[in-house]
Amino acid sequence: MQAVLFDLDGTLVNTITLIHQTFRQVFAHLNIPWGAGEVLKTIGLPLNQVAQQYWPADPDEFLSLYADLHRASAQDMIHPYPGTVNTLRSLRAQGRKLAVVTSKRHQPAKEALAHCRLDHFFNTLVAVEDSPRPKPNADPILYALQQLGVKADQAVFIGDSWYDMVAAEKAGVHSIGVTWGMATKAELLAANPKHVIDSWDELWDLL
């Protein structure tokens, strides 16, 4: 594998609690029924799609409120998962090209990587603005491969949601699901990944 591509939220950095908290605050402020928290299943989709679904009268209001509340707590609540830094350092030492492919917007994605001191590991960052069709479509992954100059069969994509696994399969890259993020192991397996891992240590056996 010449290139290793990563999802961001729930894969490299632990933002799940922050995202959950932010959604709860937005729903409370806008008086949107929380129900069983079904909105949490949208983690991995572009936020504008979520806004259009849950606050179609004024999606921009939803987006603006979410961004403000997310930013207010981000510095205290975003952390890399254990083993992330060592994994990225070792991959770079092996000469592999690295990329982040996320449904987040560029600015908050860059801020999260910089806050966790991960930004210098990556050759490229593909955010939601870079592709007309976000995950689970293949376009963002294919764009990252183009930026890296790597063929699909020479790359692996690692993510924590079924959106990631489906996008990887459509793009023709190898897929690895991680169980410490949003989806359960059963949910990941249902999306037909090549492999599912429970820790970064397991990655080395696969690579």
Protein backbone atom coordinates (compact mmCIF):
# COMPACT_ATOMS: atom_id res chain seq x y z
CA MET A 1 0.00 0.00 0.00
CA GLN A 2 1.60 3.22 -1.15
CA ALA A 3 -1.06 5.42 0.44
CA VAL A 4 -3.20 5.30 3.56
CA LEU A 5 -6.30 7.49 3.62
CA PHE A 6 -8.18 8.26 6.82
CA ASP A 7 -11.55 9.55 7.86
CA LEU A 8 -11.20 12.20 10.58
CA ASP A 9 -14.01 12.23 13.17
CA GLY A 10 -14.22 8.97 15.08
CA THR A 11 -11.16 7.55 13.33
CA LEU A 12 -8.14 9.75 14.01
CA VAL A 13 -9.63 12.09 16.58
CA ASN A 14 -12.25 11.54 19.25
CA THR A 15 -14.97 14.05 18.44
CA ILE A 16 -18.00 11.81 18.95
CA THR A 17 -18.85 13.20 22.40
CA LEU A 18 -18.44 16.77 21.16
CA ILE A 19 -20.65 16.13 18.12
CA HIS A 20 -23.29 14.48 20.31
CA GLN A 21 -23.26 17.40 22.74
CA THR A 22 -23.44 19.95 19.94
CA PHE A 23 -26.40 18.26 18.28
CA ARG A 24 -28.24 18.12 21.62
CA GLN A 25 -27.67 21.85 22.15
CA VAL A 26 -28.77 22.76 18.62
CA PHE A 27 -31.91 20.64 18.86
CA ALA A 28 -32.77 22.16 22.25
CA HIS A 29 -32.22 25.71 21.02
CA LEU A 30 -34.35 25.21 17.91
CA ASN A 31 -36.96 23.07 19.71
CA ILE A 32 -36.38 20.13 17.37
CA PRO A 33 -37.60 16.85 18.95
CA TRP A 34 -34.61 14.74 19.95
CA GLY A 35 -36.46 11.42 19.77
CA ALA A 36 -34.04 8.53 20.15
CA GLY A 37 -31.13 10.62 18.85
CA GLU A 38 -31.50 9.38 15.30
CA VAL A 39 -29.46 12.36 14.11
CA LEU A 40 -26.33 10.68 15.50
CA LYS A 41 -26.58 8.12 12.70
CA THR A 42 -25.84 10.96 10.28
CA ILE A 43 -22.33 11.43 11.66
CA GLY A 44 -20.12 11.05 8.61
CA LEU A 45 -22.45 12.95 6.28
CA PRO A 46 -21.94 16.62 5.39
CA LEU A 47 -23.52 18.86 8.00
CA ASN A 48 -25.47 20.82 5.38
CA GLN A 49 -27.39 17.64 4.51
CA VAL A 50 -28.24 17.16 8.17
CA ALA A 51 -29.37 20.79 8.46
CA GLN A 52 -31.62 20.46 5.43
CA GLN A 53 -33.19 17.33 6.87
CA TYR A 54 -33.84 18.55 10.41
CA TRP A 55 -34.28 22.33 9.92
CA PRO A 56 -35.39 22.77 6.28
CA ALA A 57 -36.99 26.16 6.96
CA ASP A 58 -33.57 27.73 7.55
CA PRO A 59 -30.61 25.33 7.16
CA ASP A 60 -28.15 28.22 7.44
CA GLU A 61 -29.42 28.98 10.94
CA PHE A 62 -28.82 25.35 11.93
CA LEU A 63 -25.32 25.41 10.43
CA SER A 64 -24.35 28.69 12.05
CA LEU A 65 -25.59 27.63 15.48
CA TYR A 66 -23.86 24.26 15.22
CA ALA A 67 -20.57 25.88 14.18
CA ASP A 68 -20.63 28.35 17.09
CA LEU A 69 -21.45 25.71 19.71
CA HIS A 70 -18.96 23.23 18.28
CA ARG A 71 -16.16 25.78 18.24
CA ALA A 72 -16.87 26.87 21.81
CA SER A 73 -16.06 23.42 23.21
CA ALA A 74 -13.68 22.04 20.60
CA GLN A 75 -10.42 22.94 22.34
CA ASP A 76 -11.40 21.04 25.47
CA MET A 77 -13.11 18.04 23.90
CA ILE A 78 -11.13 17.05 20.79
CA HIS A 79 -8.26 14.60 21.30
CA PRO A 80 -6.45 12.05 19.12
CA TYR A 81 -7.29 8.45 19.90
CA PRO A 82 -4.59 6.49 21.74
CA GLY A 83 -2.03 5.25 19.27
CA THR A 84 -2.96 7.68 16.50
CA VAL A 85 0.23 9.74 16.68
CA ASN A 86 2.54 6.72 16.76
CA THR A 87 0.63 5.11 13.89
CA LEU A 88 0.94 8.17 11.67
CA ARG A 89 4.59 8.66 12.57
CA SER A 90 5.40 5.05 11.69
CA LEU A 91 3.50 5.17 8.40
CA ARG A 92 5.37 8.28 7.33
CA ALA A 93 8.67 6.70 8.36
CA GLN A 94 7.85 3.83 5.99
CA GLY A 95 7.47 6.34 3.16
CA ARG A 96 3.73 5.94 2.73
CA LYS A 97 1.63 8.88 1.56
CA LEU A 98 -1.13 9.93 3.95
CA ALA A 99 -4.40 11.80 3.43
CA VAL A 100 -7.48 12.80 5.37
CA VAL A 101 -10.81 12.43 3.56
CA THR A 102 -13.61 13.94 5.62
CA SER A 103 -17.16 15.23 5.26
CA LYS A 104 -16.18 18.12 7.52
CA ARG A 105 -15.58 21.57 6.08
CA HIS A 106 -11.97 22.59 5.46
CA GLN A 107 -11.63 25.11 8.27
CA PRO A 108 -12.88 22.98 11.20
CA ALA A 109 -11.02 19.97 9.82
CA LYS A 110 -7.77 21.93 9.67
CA GLU A 111 -8.40 23.30 13.16
CA ALA A 112 -8.99 19.81 14.57
CA LEU A 113 -5.83 18.43 13.00
CA ALA A 114 -3.76 21.39 14.16
CA HIS A 115 -5.19 21.23 17.69
CA CYS A 116 -4.25 17.55 17.92
CA ARG A 117 -0.85 18.24 16.29
CA LEU A 118 -1.55 15.83 13.45
CA ASP A 119 -1.59 18.22 10.50
CA HIS A 120 2.09 17.82 9.58
CA PHE A 121 1.67 14.09 8.91
CA PHE A 122 -0.60 14.47 5.87
CA ASN A 123 0.17 15.07 2.22
CA THR A 124 -3.35 16.29 1.52
CA LEU A 125 -6.69 17.05 3.16
CA VAL A 126 -9.90 16.48 1.21
CA ALA A 127 -12.91 18.17 2.81
CA VAL A 128 -16.54 18.47 1.80
CA GLU A 129 -15.89 21.53 -0.38
CA ASP A 130 -13.53 19.55 -2.61
CA SER A 131 -16.05 17.16 -4.10
CA PRO A 132 -19.53 17.67 -5.57
CA ARG A 133 -20.64 14.29 -4.20
CA PRO A 134 -19.50 13.50 -0.64
CA LYS A 135 -19.16 10.11 1.03
CA PRO A 136 -20.70 7.54 0.68
CA ASN A 137 -19.92 8.41 -2.96
CA ALA A 138 -16.44 7.60 -4.22
CA ASP A 139 -15.58 11.11 -5.42
CA PRO A 140 -13.70 12.40 -2.32
CA ILE A 141 -11.49 9.31 -2.18
CA LEU A 142 -10.79 9.43 -5.91
CA TYR A 143 -9.88 13.11 -5.59
CA ALA A 144 -7.46 12.31 -2.77
CA LEU A 145 -5.83 9.58 -4.88
CA GLN A 146 -5.45 12.07 -7.72
CA GLN A 147 -3.77 14.53 -5.36
CA LEU A 148 -1.41 11.82 -4.11
CA GLY A 149 -0.68 10.36 -7.53
CA VAL A 150 -1.61 6.86 -6.36
CA LYS A 151 -3.80 4.20 -8.00
CA ALA A 152 -6.83 2.81 -6.19
CA ASP A 153 -5.41 -0.69 -5.79
CA GLN A 154 -2.34 0.81 -4.09
CA ALA A 155 -4.34 2.54 -1.35
CA VAL A 156 -6.35 1.72 1.74
CA PHE A 157 -9.07 3.82 3.34
CA ILE A 158 -9.67 3.65 7.08
CA GLY A 159 -12.89 4.90 8.69
CA ASP A 160 -15.39 4.36 11.47
CA SER A 161 -18.72 4.47 9.62
CA TRP A 162 -20.57 2.56 6.95
CA TYR A 163 -20.38 5.71 4.80
CA ASP A 164 -16.60 5.25 4.75
CA MET A 165 -16.78 1.57 3.86
CA VAL A 166 -19.26 2.13 1.04
CA ALA A 167 -17.22 5.01 -0.39
CA ALA A 168 -14.05 2.90 -0.29
CA GLU A 169 -15.71 0.02 -2.10
CA LYS A 170 -17.06 2.34 -4.79
CA ALA A 171 -13.62 3.90 -5.23
CA GLY A 172 -11.94 0.51 -5.58
CA VAL A 173 -9.59 0.94 -2.62
CA HIS A 174 -9.04 -1.50 0.22
CA SER A 175 -11.20 -0.67 3.24
CA ILE A 176 -10.58 -1.03 6.97
CA GLY A 177 -13.24 -0.22 9.57
CA VAL A 178 -12.30 0.84 13.10
CA THR A 179 -14.55 -0.02 16.03
CA TRP A 180 -13.68 2.87 18.38
CA GLY A 181 -15.74 5.50 16.54
CA MET A 182 -19.38 5.88 15.56
CA ALA A 183 -20.42 2.47 14.25
CA THR A 184 -20.53 -0.86 15.99
CA LYS A 185 -18.55 -3.79 14.64
CA ALA A 186 -21.76 -5.35 13.33
CA GLU A 187 -22.71 -2.15 11.51
CA LEU A 188 -19.27 -1.96 9.91
CA LEU A 189 -19.32 -5.60 8.82
CA ALA A 190 -22.72 -5.07 7.21
CA ALA A 191 -21.06 -2.50 4.90
CA ASN A 192 -18.67 -5.17 3.54
CA PRO A 193 -15.23 -3.82 4.51
CA LYS A 194 -12.10 -5.79 3.71
CA HIS A 195 -11.16 -5.79 7.40
CA VAL A 196 -12.31 -4.45 10.77
CA ILE A 197 -9.84 -3.62 13.53
CA ASP A 198 -10.24 -2.96 17.25
CA SER A 199 -6.90 -1.17 17.74
CA TRP A 200 -4.19 0.54 15.74
CA ASP A 201 -1.82 -2.33 16.57
CA GLU A 202 -3.90 -4.61 14.35
CA LEU A 203 -3.26 -2.34 11.38
CA TRP A 204 0.35 -3.46 11.07
CA ASP A 205 -0.61 -7.10 10.56
CA LEU A 206 -2.84 -6.06 7.67
CA LEU A 207 -0.38 -3.71 5.99
